[in-house]
Amino acid sequence: AAAKDVTRLRLFVIIDIDTPNKVKNGLMQALHCASETDKQIRFIKFDAQQALGNITLKAPEGPAYGNLKTPANFARFFLAQLLPQGIHRLLYLDADVIVMRDVS
């Protein structure tokens, strides 16, 4: 990590509330290279059913669109409720984003 003070960097990974521990452990292993300690990586469970309630999800369908109706697509709208207080800056990266350079 090329950030000026990597000790201040925190990685929050939003996961579905039903994500198995095996998947979570695999993610932790894959993400370990992005952090000097495991304490900088924190998993936040997102309960889409609770967050979305009775909202009906409507989105285009078909192979060109992927699965836009997945409730995980809407987790970003709940970041203020999901993340701990006191976060003053946030860089949201979707799962399919590749960072090629320092973003600090």
PDB file of N, CA and C in Angstrom:
ATOM      1  N   ALA A   1       0.840  -1.178   0.000  1.00  0.00           N
ATOM      2  CA  ALA A   1       0.000   0.000   0.000  1.00  0.00           C
ATOM      3  C   ALA A   1       0.882   1.236   0.000  1.00  0.00           C
ATOM      4  N   ALA A   2       0.615   2.117  -0.907  1.00  0.00           N
ATOM      5  CA  ALA A   2       1.416   3.319  -1.045  1.00  0.00           C
ATOM      6  C   ALA A   2       0.795   4.515  -0.333  1.00  0.00           C
ATOM      7  N   ALA A   3      -0.298   4.316   0.377  1.00  0.00           N
ATOM      8  CA  ALA A   3      -0.940   5.417   1.087  1.00  0.00           C
ATOM      9  C   ALA A   3       0.032   6.008   2.093  1.00  0.00           C
ATOM     10  N   LYS A   4      -0.087   7.298   2.350  1.00  0.00           N
ATOM     11  CA  LYS A   4       0.841   7.989   3.235  1.00  0.00           C
ATOM     12  C   LYS A   4       0.844   7.394   4.633  1.00  0.00           C
ATOM     13  N   ASP A   5      -0.287   7.036   5.168  1.00  0.00           N
ATOM     14  CA  ASP A   5      -0.383   6.454   6.499  1.00  0.00           C
ATOM     15  C   ASP A   5      -1.324   5.251   6.433  1.00  0.00           C
ATOM     16  N   VAL A   6      -0.778   4.096   6.108  1.00  0.00           N
ATOM     17  CA  VAL A   6      -1.616   2.908   5.910  1.00  0.00           C
ATOM     18  C   VAL A   6      -2.285   2.456   7.196  1.00  0.00           C
ATOM     19  N   THR A   7      -1.798   2.908   8.356  1.00  0.00           N
ATOM     20  CA  THR A   7      -2.438   2.519   9.607  1.00  0.00           C
ATOM     21  C   THR A   7      -3.835   3.127   9.729  1.00  0.00           C
ATOM     22  N   ARG A   8      -4.096   4.187   8.967  1.00  0.00           N
ATOM     23  CA  ARG A   8      -5.422   4.817   8.989  1.00  0.00           C
ATOM     24  C   ARG A   8      -6.370   4.190   7.976  1.00  0.00           C
ATOM     25  N   LEU A   9      -5.854   3.379   7.089  1.00  0.00           N
ATOM     26  CA  LEU A   9      -6.655   2.750   6.043  1.00  0.00           C
ATOM     27  C   LEU A   9      -7.450   1.588   6.635  1.00  0.00           C
ATOM     28  N   ARG A  10      -8.733   1.575   6.359  1.00  0.00           N
ATOM     29  CA  ARG A  10      -9.598   0.475   6.786  1.00  0.00           C
ATOM     30  C   ARG A  10     -10.335  -0.051   5.567  1.00  0.00           C
ATOM     31  N   LEU A  11     -10.456  -1.356   5.496  1.00  0.00           N
ATOM     32  CA  LEU A  11     -11.151  -1.994   4.388  1.00  0.00           C
ATOM     33  C   LEU A  11     -12.411  -2.645   4.943  1.00  0.00           C
ATOM     34  N   PHE A  12     -13.562  -2.126   4.549  1.00  0.00           N
ATOM     35  CA  PHE A  12     -14.844  -2.692   4.957  1.00  0.00           C
ATOM     36  C   PHE A  12     -15.395  -3.463   3.771  1.00  0.00           C
ATOM     37  N   VAL A  13     -15.693  -4.728   3.982  1.00  0.00           N
ATOM     38  CA  VAL A  13     -16.222  -5.590   2.925  1.00  0.00           C
ATOM     39  C   VAL A  13     -17.671  -5.908   3.274  1.00  0.00           C
ATOM     40  N   ILE A  14     -18.578  -5.475   2.412  1.00  0.00           N
ATOM     41  CA  ILE A  14     -20.000  -5.725   2.638  1.00  0.00           C
ATOM     42  C   ILE A  14     -20.327  -7.110   2.099  1.00  0.00           C
ATOM     43  N   ILE A  15     -20.848  -7.961   2.975  1.00  0.00           N
ATOM     44  CA  ILE A  15     -21.214  -9.322   2.578  1.00  0.00           C
ATOM     45  C   ILE A  15     -22.670  -9.579   2.944  1.00  0.00           C
ATOM     46  N   ASP A  16     -23.276 -10.505   2.245  1.00  0.00           N
ATOM     47  CA  ASP A  16     -24.641 -10.911   2.532  1.00  0.00           C
ATOM     48  C   ASP A  16     -24.678 -11.569   3.910  1.00  0.00           C
ATOM     49  N   ILE A  17     -25.759 -11.387   4.615  1.00  0.00           N
ATOM     50  CA  ILE A  17     -25.887 -11.930   5.965  1.00  0.00           C
ATOM     51  C   ILE A  17     -25.759 -13.457   5.977  1.00  0.00           C
ATOM     52  N   ASP A  18     -26.075 -14.099   4.847  1.00  0.00           N
ATOM     53  CA  ASP A  18     -26.020 -15.560   4.773  1.00  0.00           C
ATOM     54  C   ASP A  18     -24.717 -16.091   4.177  1.00  0.00           C
ATOM     55  N   THR A  19     -23.709 -15.242   4.028  1.00  0.00           N
ATOM     56  CA  THR A  19     -22.436 -15.683   3.449  1.00  0.00           C
ATOM     57  C   THR A  19     -21.789 -16.730   4.354  1.00  0.00           C
ATOM     58  N   PRO A  20     -21.476 -17.908   3.808  1.00  0.00           N
ATOM     59  CA  PRO A  20     -20.851 -18.955   4.628  1.00  0.00           C
ATOM     60  C   PRO A  20     -19.450 -18.542   5.097  1.00  0.00           C
ATOM     61  N   ASN A  21     -19.047 -19.058   6.249  1.00  0.00           N
ATOM     62  CA  ASN A  21     -17.717 -18.751   6.787  1.00  0.00           C
ATOM     63  C   ASN A  21     -16.606 -19.156   5.825  1.00  0.00           C
ATOM     64  N   LYS A  22     -16.819 -20.219   5.053  1.00  0.00           N
ATOM     65  CA  LYS A  22     -15.813 -20.670   4.090  1.00  0.00           C
ATOM     66  C   LYS A  22     -15.534 -19.567   3.058  1.00  0.00           C
ATOM     67  N   VAL A  23     -16.565 -18.907   2.594  1.00  0.00           N
ATOM     68  CA  VAL A  23     -16.407 -17.817   1.628  1.00  0.00           C
ATOM     69  C   VAL A  23     -15.733 -16.629   2.297  1.00  0.00           C
ATOM     70  N   LYS A  24     -16.180 -16.320   3.499  1.00  0.00           N
ATOM     71  CA  LYS A  24     -15.594 -15.207   4.250  1.00  0.00           C
ATOM     72  C   LYS A  24     -14.103 -15.436   4.484  1.00  0.00           C
ATOM     73  N   ASN A  25     -13.720 -16.651   4.854  1.00  0.00           N
ATOM     74  CA  ASN A  25     -12.308 -16.974   5.077  1.00  0.00           C
ATOM     75  C   ASN A  25     -11.500 -16.874   3.788  1.00  0.00           C
ATOM     76  N   GLY A  26     -12.089 -17.288   2.672  1.00  0.00           N
ATOM     77  CA  GLY A  26     -11.416 -17.171   1.379  1.00  0.00           C
ATOM     78  C   GLY A  26     -11.198 -15.716   1.000  1.00  0.00           C
ATOM     79  N   LEU A  27     -12.201 -14.889   1.265  1.00  0.00           N
ATOM     80  CA  LEU A  27     -12.067 -13.455   1.012  1.00  0.00           C
ATOM     81  C   LEU A  27     -10.975 -12.851   1.890  1.00  0.00           C
ATOM     82  N   MET A  28     -10.927 -13.261   3.149  1.00  0.00           N
ATOM     83  CA  MET A  28      -9.913 -12.742   4.059  1.00  0.00           C
ATOM     84  C   MET A  28      -8.512 -13.098   3.556  1.00  0.00           C
ATOM     85  N   GLN A  29      -8.327 -14.307   3.074  1.00  0.00           N
ATOM     86  CA  GLN A  29      -7.025 -14.706   2.532  1.00  0.00           C
ATOM     87  C   GLN A  29      -6.675 -13.883   1.300  1.00  0.00           C
ATOM     88  N   ALA A  30      -7.644 -13.665   0.419  1.00  0.00           N
ATOM     89  CA  ALA A  30      -7.391 -12.906  -0.801  1.00  0.00           C
ATOM     90  C   ALA A  30      -7.096 -11.440  -0.495  1.00  0.00           C
ATOM     91  N   LEU A  31      -7.733 -10.900   0.529  1.00  0.00           N
ATOM     92  CA  LEU A  31      -7.570  -9.486   0.874  1.00  0.00           C
ATOM     93  C   LEU A  31      -6.375  -9.222   1.776  1.00  0.00           C
ATOM     94  N   HIS A  32      -5.821 -10.242   2.345  1.00  0.00           N
ATOM     95  CA  HIS A  32      -4.726 -10.063   3.303  1.00  0.00           C
ATOM     96  C   HIS A  32      -3.559  -9.284   2.689  1.00  0.00           C
ATOM     97  N   CYS A  33      -3.316  -9.456   1.411  1.00  0.00           N
ATOM     98  CA  CYS A  33      -2.213  -8.746   0.764  1.00  0.00           C
ATOM     99  C   CYS A  33      -2.473  -7.245   0.690  1.00  0.00           C
ATOM    100  N   ALA A  34      -3.714  -6.808   0.836  1.00  0.00           N
ATOM    101  CA  ALA A  34      -4.044  -5.385   0.769  1.00  0.00           C
ATOM    102  C   ALA A  34      -3.915  -4.688   2.119  1.00  0.00           C
ATOM    103  N   SER A  35      -3.588  -5.449   3.143  1.00  0.00           N
ATOM    104  CA  SER A  35      -3.563  -4.885   4.483  1.00  0.00           C
ATOM    105  C   SER A  35      -2.362  -5.419   5.237  1.00  0.00           C
ATOM    106  N   GLU A  36      -1.791  -4.596   6.100  1.00  0.00           N
ATOM    107  CA  GLU A  36      -0.652  -5.055   6.892  1.00  0.00           C
ATOM    108  C   GLU A  36      -1.084  -5.972   8.021  1.00  0.00           C
ATOM    109  N   THR A  37      -2.304  -5.796   8.511  1.00  0.00           N
ATOM    110  CA  THR A  37      -2.828  -6.667   9.557  1.00  0.00           C
ATOM    111  C   THR A  37      -4.274  -6.998   9.249  1.00  0.00           C
ATOM    112  N   ASP A  38      -4.715  -8.131   9.755  1.00  0.00           N
ATOM    113  CA  ASP A  38      -6.108  -8.522   9.562  1.00  0.00           C
ATOM    114  C   ASP A  38      -7.054  -7.571  10.289  1.00  0.00           C
ATOM    115  N   LYS A  39      -6.559  -6.810  11.264  1.00  0.00           N
ATOM    116  CA  LYS A  39      -7.401  -5.881  12.012  1.00  0.00           C
ATOM    117  C   LYS A  39      -7.880  -4.725  11.142  1.00  0.00           C
ATOM    118  N   GLN A  40      -7.251  -4.511   9.994  1.00  0.00           N
ATOM    119  CA  GLN A  40      -7.663  -3.429   9.105  1.00  0.00           C
ATOM    120  C   GLN A  40      -8.769  -3.867   8.144  1.00  0.00           C
ATOM    121  N   ILE A  41      -9.103  -5.145   8.144  1.00  0.00           N
ATOM    122  CA  ILE A  41     -10.155  -5.664   7.286  1.00  0.00           C
ATOM    123  C   ILE A  41     -11.343  -6.041   8.166  1.00  0.00           C
ATOM    124  N   ARG A  42     -12.504  -5.491   7.834  1.00  0.00           N
ATOM    125  CA  ARG A  42     -13.692  -5.787   8.632  1.00  0.00           C
ATOM    126  C   ARG A  42     -14.848  -6.136   7.707  1.00  0.00           C
ATOM    127  N   PHE A  43     -15.514  -7.230   8.011  1.00  0.00           N
ATOM    128  CA  PHE A  43     -16.683  -7.645   7.237  1.00  0.00           C
ATOM    129  C   PHE A  43     -17.938  -7.066   7.870  1.00  0.00           C
ATOM    130  N   ILE A  44     -18.783  -6.483   7.051  1.00  0.00           N
ATOM    131  CA  ILE A  44     -20.052  -5.913   7.493  1.00  0.00           C
ATOM    132  C   ILE A  44     -21.154  -6.736   6.838  1.00  0.00           C
ATOM    133  N   LYS A  45     -22.010  -7.322   7.663  1.00  0.00           N
ATOM    134  CA  LYS A  45     -23.093  -8.133   7.115  1.00  0.00           C
ATOM    135  C   LYS A  45     -24.269  -7.250   6.719  1.00  0.00           C
ATOM    136  N   PHE A  46     -24.768  -7.491   5.510  1.00  0.00           N
ATOM    137  CA  PHE A  46     -25.889  -6.741   4.967  1.00  0.00           C
ATOM    138  C   PHE A  46     -27.099  -7.655   4.875  1.00  0.00           C
ATOM    139  N   ASP A  47     -28.136  -7.321   5.622  1.00  0.00           N
ATOM    140  CA  ASP A  47     -29.382  -8.076   5.582  1.00  0.00           C
ATOM    141  C   ASP A  47     -30.325  -7.363   4.619  1.00  0.00           C
ATOM    142  N   ALA A  48     -30.294  -7.776   3.361  1.00  0.00           N
ATOM    143  CA  ALA A  48     -31.067  -7.103   2.310  1.00  0.00           C
ATOM    144  C   ALA A  48     -32.558  -7.165   2.596  1.00  0.00           C
ATOM    145  N   GLN A  49     -33.014  -8.274   3.115  1.00  0.00           N
ATOM    146  CA  GLN A  49     -34.445  -8.417   3.378  1.00  0.00           C
ATOM    147  C   GLN A  49     -34.907  -7.396   4.416  1.00  0.00           C
ATOM    148  N   GLN A  50     -34.096  -7.194   5.436  1.00  0.00           N
ATOM    149  CA  GLN A  50     -34.443  -6.211   6.459  1.00  0.00           C
ATOM    150  C   GLN A  50     -34.317  -4.786   5.909  1.00  0.00           C
ATOM    151  N   ALA A  51     -33.247  -4.523   5.171  1.00  0.00           N
ATOM    152  CA  ALA A  51     -33.000  -3.166   4.658  1.00  0.00           C
ATOM    153  C   ALA A  51     -34.017  -2.748   3.607  1.00  0.00           C
ATOM    154  N   LEU A  52     -34.341  -3.664   2.717  1.00  0.00           N
ATOM    155  CA  LEU A  52     -35.233  -3.323   1.608  1.00  0.00           C
ATOM    156  C   LEU A  52     -36.713  -3.487   1.952  1.00  0.00           C
ATOM    157  N   GLY A  53     -36.989  -4.291   2.970  1.00  0.00           N
ATOM    158  CA  GLY A  53     -38.379  -4.476   3.388  1.00  0.00           C
ATOM    159  C   GLY A  53     -39.255  -4.974   2.264  1.00  0.00           C
ATOM    160  N   ASN A  54     -40.329  -4.259   2.000  1.00  0.00           N
ATOM    161  CA  ASN A  54     -41.309  -4.666   0.977  1.00  0.00           C
ATOM    162  C   ASN A  54     -41.064  -4.017  -0.374  1.00  0.00           C
ATOM    163  N   ILE A  55     -39.884  -3.474  -0.586  1.00  0.00           N
ATOM    164  CA  ILE A  55     -39.567  -2.837  -1.862  1.00  0.00           C
ATOM    165  C   ILE A  55     -39.451  -3.904  -2.943  1.00  0.00           C
ATOM    166  N   THR A  56     -40.107  -3.682  -4.060  1.00  0.00           N
ATOM    167  CA  THR A  56     -40.014  -4.596  -5.195  1.00  0.00           C
ATOM    168  C   THR A  56     -38.875  -4.123  -6.098  1.00  0.00           C
ATOM    169  N   LEU A  57     -37.939  -5.017  -6.359  1.00  0.00           N
ATOM    170  CA  LEU A  57     -36.793  -4.674  -7.201  1.00  0.00           C
ATOM    171  C   LEU A  57     -37.153  -4.854  -8.669  1.00  0.00           C
ATOM    172  N   LYS A  58     -36.949  -3.786  -9.442  1.00  0.00           N
ATOM    173  CA  LYS A  58     -37.194  -3.853 -10.877  1.00  0.00           C
ATOM    174  C   LYS A  58     -35.923  -3.417 -11.579  1.00  0.00           C
ATOM    175  N   ALA A  59     -35.504  -4.204 -12.549  1.00  0.00           N
ATOM    176  CA  ALA A  59     -34.289  -3.897 -13.298  1.00  0.00           C
ATOM    177  C   ALA A  59     -34.347  -4.633 -14.621  1.00  0.00           C
ATOM    178  N   PRO A  60     -33.585  -4.145 -15.620  1.00  0.00           N
ATOM    179  CA  PRO A  60     -33.527  -4.860 -16.900  1.00  0.00           C
ATOM    180  C   PRO A  60     -33.016  -6.280 -16.689  1.00  0.00           C
ATOM    181  N   GLU A  61     -33.454  -7.170 -17.513  1.00  0.00           N
ATOM    182  CA  GLU A  61     -33.029  -8.569 -17.410  1.00  0.00           C
ATOM    183  C   GLU A  61     -32.387  -9.019 -18.699  1.00  0.00           C
ATOM    184  N   GLY A  62     -31.583 -10.049 -18.604  1.00  0.00           N
ATOM    185  CA  GLY A  62     -30.941 -10.627 -19.773  1.00  0.00           C
ATOM    186  C   GLY A  62     -29.445 -10.743 -19.568  1.00  0.00           C
ATOM    187  N   PRO A  63     -28.783 -11.532 -20.422  1.00  0.00           N
ATOM    188  CA  PRO A  63     -27.353 -11.790 -20.263  1.00  0.00           C
ATOM    189  C   PRO A  63     -26.490 -10.521 -20.291  1.00  0.00           C
ATOM    190  N   ALA A  64     -26.909  -9.515 -21.008  1.00  0.00           N
ATOM    191  CA  ALA A  64     -26.113  -8.286 -21.111  1.00  0.00           C
ATOM    192  C   ALA A  64     -26.136  -7.472 -19.820  1.00  0.00           C
ATOM    193  N   TYR A  65     -27.099  -7.735 -18.957  1.00  0.00           N
ATOM    194  CA  TYR A  65     -27.248  -6.950 -17.732  1.00  0.00           C
ATOM    195  C   TYR A  65     -26.746  -7.649 -16.477  1.00  0.00           C
ATOM    196  N   GLY A  66     -26.486  -8.936 -16.542  1.00  0.00           N
ATOM    197  CA  GLY A  66     -26.117  -9.663 -15.328  1.00  0.00           C
ATOM    198  C   GLY A  66     -27.326  -9.777 -14.421  1.00  0.00           C
ATOM    199  N   ASN A  67     -27.072  -9.843 -13.133  1.00  0.00           N
ATOM    200  CA  ASN A  67     -28.168  -9.953 -12.175  1.00  0.00           C
ATOM    201  C   ASN A  67     -28.303  -8.638 -11.411  1.00  0.00           C
ATOM    202  N   LEU A  68     -28.920  -7.660 -12.026  1.00  0.00           N
ATOM    203  CA  LEU A  68     -29.083  -6.351 -11.395  1.00  0.00           C
ATOM    204  C   LEU A  68     -30.078  -6.364 -10.246  1.00  0.00           C
ATOM    205  N   LYS A  69     -30.903  -7.388 -10.178  1.00  0.00           N
ATOM    206  CA  LYS A  69     -31.906  -7.460  -9.117  1.00  0.00           C
ATOM    207  C   LYS A  69     -31.349  -8.007  -7.803  1.00  0.00           C
ATOM    208  N   THR A  70     -30.109  -8.427  -7.802  1.00  0.00           N
ATOM    209  CA  THR A  70     -29.569  -8.968  -6.563  1.00  0.00           C
ATOM    210  C   THR A  70     -29.560  -7.883  -5.490  1.00  0.00           C
ATOM    211  N   PRO A  71     -30.055  -8.183  -4.307  1.00  0.00           N
ATOM    212  CA  PRO A  71     -30.113  -7.182  -3.245  1.00  0.00           C
ATOM    213  C   PRO A  71     -28.744  -6.597  -2.887  1.00  0.00           C
ATOM    214  N   ALA A  72     -27.679  -7.338  -3.125  1.00  0.00           N
ATOM    215  CA  ALA A  72     -26.336  -6.832  -2.820  1.00  0.00           C
ATOM    216  C   ALA A  72     -26.019  -5.571  -3.620  1.00  0.00           C
ATOM    217  N   ASN A  73     -26.637  -5.414  -4.774  1.00  0.00           N
ATOM    218  CA  ASN A  73     -26.431  -4.202  -5.574  1.00  0.00           C
ATOM    219  C   ASN A  73     -26.900  -2.946  -4.849  1.00  0.00           C
ATOM    220  N   PHE A  74     -27.759  -3.108  -3.866  1.00  0.00           N
ATOM    221  CA  PHE A  74     -28.333  -1.966  -3.178  1.00  0.00           C
ATOM    222  C   PHE A  74     -27.655  -1.673  -1.839  1.00  0.00           C
ATOM    223  N   ALA A  75     -26.697  -2.455  -1.450  1.00  0.00           N
ATOM    224  CA  ALA A  75     -26.002  -2.259  -0.170  1.00  0.00           C
ATOM    225  C   ALA A  75     -25.336  -0.891  -0.104  1.00  0.00           C
ATOM    226  N   ARG A  76     -24.819  -0.394  -1.208  1.00  0.00           N
ATOM    227  CA  ARG A  76     -24.133   0.907  -1.217  1.00  0.00           C
ATOM    228  C   ARG A  76     -25.033   2.035  -0.757  1.00  0.00           C
ATOM    229  N   PHE A  77     -26.343   1.898  -0.932  1.00  0.00           N
ATOM    230  CA  PHE A  77     -27.265   2.942  -0.509  1.00  0.00           C
ATOM    231  C   PHE A  77     -27.444   2.976   1.011  1.00  0.00           C
ATOM    232  N   PHE A  78     -26.962   1.948   1.684  1.00  0.00           N
ATOM    233  CA  PHE A  78     -27.120   1.840   3.131  1.00  0.00           C
ATOM    234  C   PHE A  78     -25.788   1.967   3.874  1.00  0.00           C
ATOM    235  N   LEU A  79     -24.758   2.456   3.204  1.00  0.00           N
ATOM    236  CA  LEU A  79     -23.435   2.551   3.820  1.00  0.00           C
ATOM    237  C   LEU A  79     -23.442   3.397   5.089  1.00  0.00           C
ATOM    238  N   ALA A  80     -24.204   4.461   5.110  1.00  0.00           N
ATOM    239  CA  ALA A  80     -24.255   5.315   6.301  1.00  0.00           C
ATOM    240  C   ALA A  80     -24.771   4.542   7.520  1.00  0.00           C
ATOM    241  N   GLN A  81     -25.678   3.604   7.293  1.00  0.00           N
ATOM    242  CA  GLN A  81     -26.199   2.798   8.396  1.00  0.00           C
ATOM    243  C   GLN A  81     -25.303   1.595   8.704  1.00  0.00           C
ATOM    244  N   LEU A  82     -24.607   1.087   7.695  1.00  0.00           N
ATOM    245  CA  LEU A  82     -23.803  -0.123   7.867  1.00  0.00           C
ATOM    246  C   LEU A  82     -22.434   0.138   8.490  1.00  0.00           C
ATOM    247  N   LEU A  83     -21.810   1.234   8.128  1.00  0.00           N
ATOM    248  CA  LEU A  83     -20.441   1.500   8.565  1.00  0.00           C
ATOM    249  C   LEU A  83     -20.424   2.209   9.916  1.00  0.00           C
ATOM    250  N   PRO A  84     -19.330   2.066  10.656  1.00  0.00           N
ATOM    251  CA  PRO A  84     -19.244   2.727  11.962  1.00  0.00           C
ATOM    252  C   PRO A  84     -19.232   4.244  11.818  1.00  0.00           C
ATOM    253  N   GLN A  85     -19.671   4.927  12.859  1.00  0.00           N
ATOM    254  CA  GLN A  85     -19.646   6.391  12.859  1.00  0.00           C
ATOM    255  C   GLN A  85     -18.206   6.871  12.885  1.00  0.00           C
ATOM    256  N   GLY A  86     -18.004   8.096  12.447  1.00  0.00           N
ATOM    257  CA  GLY A  86     -16.675   8.686  12.495  1.00  0.00           C
ATOM    258  C   GLY A  86     -15.881   8.541  11.213  1.00  0.00           C
ATOM    259  N   ILE A  87     -16.458   7.924  10.204  1.00  0.00           N
ATOM    260  CA  ILE A  87     -15.772   7.821   8.921  1.00  0.00           C
ATOM    261  C   ILE A  87     -16.025   9.120   8.161  1.00  0.00           C
ATOM    262  N   HIS A  88     -14.953   9.823   7.830  1.00  0.00           N
ATOM    263  CA  HIS A  88     -15.093  11.123   7.182  1.00  0.00           C
ATOM    264  C   HIS A  88     -14.899  11.058   5.671  1.00  0.00           C
ATOM    265  N   ARG A  89     -14.201  10.031   5.213  1.00  0.00           N
ATOM    266  CA  ARG A  89     -14.009   9.839   3.769  1.00  0.00           C
ATOM    267  C   ARG A  89     -14.220   8.373   3.440  1.00  0.00           C
ATOM    268  N   LEU A  90     -14.786   8.169   2.274  1.00  0.00           N
ATOM    269  CA  LEU A  90     -15.100   6.813   1.857  1.00  0.00           C
ATOM    270  C   LEU A  90     -14.886   6.709   0.355  1.00  0.00           C
ATOM    271  N   LEU A  91     -14.232   5.654  -0.044  1.00  0.00           N
ATOM    272  CA  LEU A  91     -14.094   5.348  -1.465  1.00  0.00           C
ATOM    273  C   LEU A  91     -14.791   4.012  -1.678  1.00  0.00           C
ATOM    274  N   TYR A  92     -15.914   4.046  -2.376  1.00  0.00           N
ATOM    275  CA  TYR A  92     -16.668   2.830  -2.647  1.00  0.00           C
ATOM    276  C   TYR A  92     -16.154   2.214  -3.934  1.00  0.00           C
ATOM    277  N   LEU A  93     -15.781   0.956  -3.870  1.00  0.00           N
ATOM    278  CA  LEU A  93     -15.339   0.232  -5.061  1.00  0.00           C
ATOM    279  C   LEU A  93     -16.210  -1.004  -5.221  1.00  0.00           C
ATOM    280  N   ASP A  94     -16.787  -1.161  -6.382  1.00  0.00           N
ATOM    281  CA  ASP A  94     -17.564  -2.357  -6.670  1.00  0.00           C
ATOM    282  C   ASP A  94     -16.626  -3.563  -6.750  1.00  0.00           C
ATOM    283  N   ALA A  95     -17.181  -4.737  -6.642  1.00  0.00           N
ATOM    284  CA  ALA A  95     -16.377  -5.963  -6.630  1.00  0.00           C
ATOM    285  C   ALA A  95     -15.617  -6.198  -7.939  1.00  0.00           C
ATOM    286  N   ASP A  96     -16.080  -5.607  -9.021  1.00  0.00           N
ATOM    287  CA  ASP A  96     -15.435  -5.831 -10.309  1.00  0.00           C
ATOM    288  C   ASP A  96     -14.456  -4.716 -10.699  1.00  0.00           C
ATOM    289  N   VAL A  97     -14.088  -3.886  -9.742  1.00  0.00           N
ATOM    290  CA  VAL A  97     -13.145  -2.785 -10.001  1.00  0.00           C
ATOM    291  C   VAL A  97     -11.729  -3.240  -9.663  1.00  0.00           C
ATOM    292  N   ILE A  98     -10.813  -2.932 -10.553  1.00  0.00           N
ATOM    293  CA  ILE A  98      -9.385  -3.228 -10.327  1.00  0.00           C
ATOM    294  C   ILE A  98      -8.659  -1.910 -10.156  1.00  0.00           C
ATOM    295  N   VAL A  99      -7.981  -1.737  -9.018  1.00  0.00           N
ATOM    296  CA  VAL A  99      -7.231  -0.514  -8.753  1.00  0.00           C
ATOM    297  C   VAL A  99      -5.795  -0.750  -9.219  1.00  0.00           C
ATOM    298  N   MET A 100      -5.349   0.085 -10.139  1.00  0.00           N
ATOM    299  CA  MET A 100      -4.021  -0.084 -10.729  1.00  0.00           C
ATOM    300  C   MET A 100      -2.969   0.830 -10.106  1.00  0.00           C
ATOM    301  N   ARG A 101      -3.413   1.894  -9.420  1.00  0.00           N
ATOM    302  CA  ARG A 101      -2.478   2.858  -8.825  1.00  0.00           C
ATOM    303  C   ARG A 101      -2.995   3.292  -7.465  1.00  0.00           C
ATOM    304  N   ASP A 102      -2.155   3.985  -6.741  1.00  0.00           N
ATOM    305  CA  ASP A 102      -2.500   4.539  -5.439  1.00  0.00           C
ATOM    306  C   ASP A 102      -3.683   5.499  -5.592  1.00  0.00           C
ATOM    307  N   VAL A 103      -4.715   5.333  -4.782  1.00  0.00           N
ATOM    308  CA  VAL A 103      -5.890   6.196  -4.872  1.00  0.00           C
ATOM    309  C   VAL A 103      -5.961   7.188  -3.709  1.00  0.00           C
ATOM    310  N   SER A 104      -4.912   7.270  -2.914  1.00  0.00           N
ATOM    311  CA  SER A 104      -4.961   8.145  -1.736  1.00  0.00           C
ATOM    312  C   SER A 104      -4.868   9.594  -2.053  1.00  0.00           C
TER     313      SER A 104
END
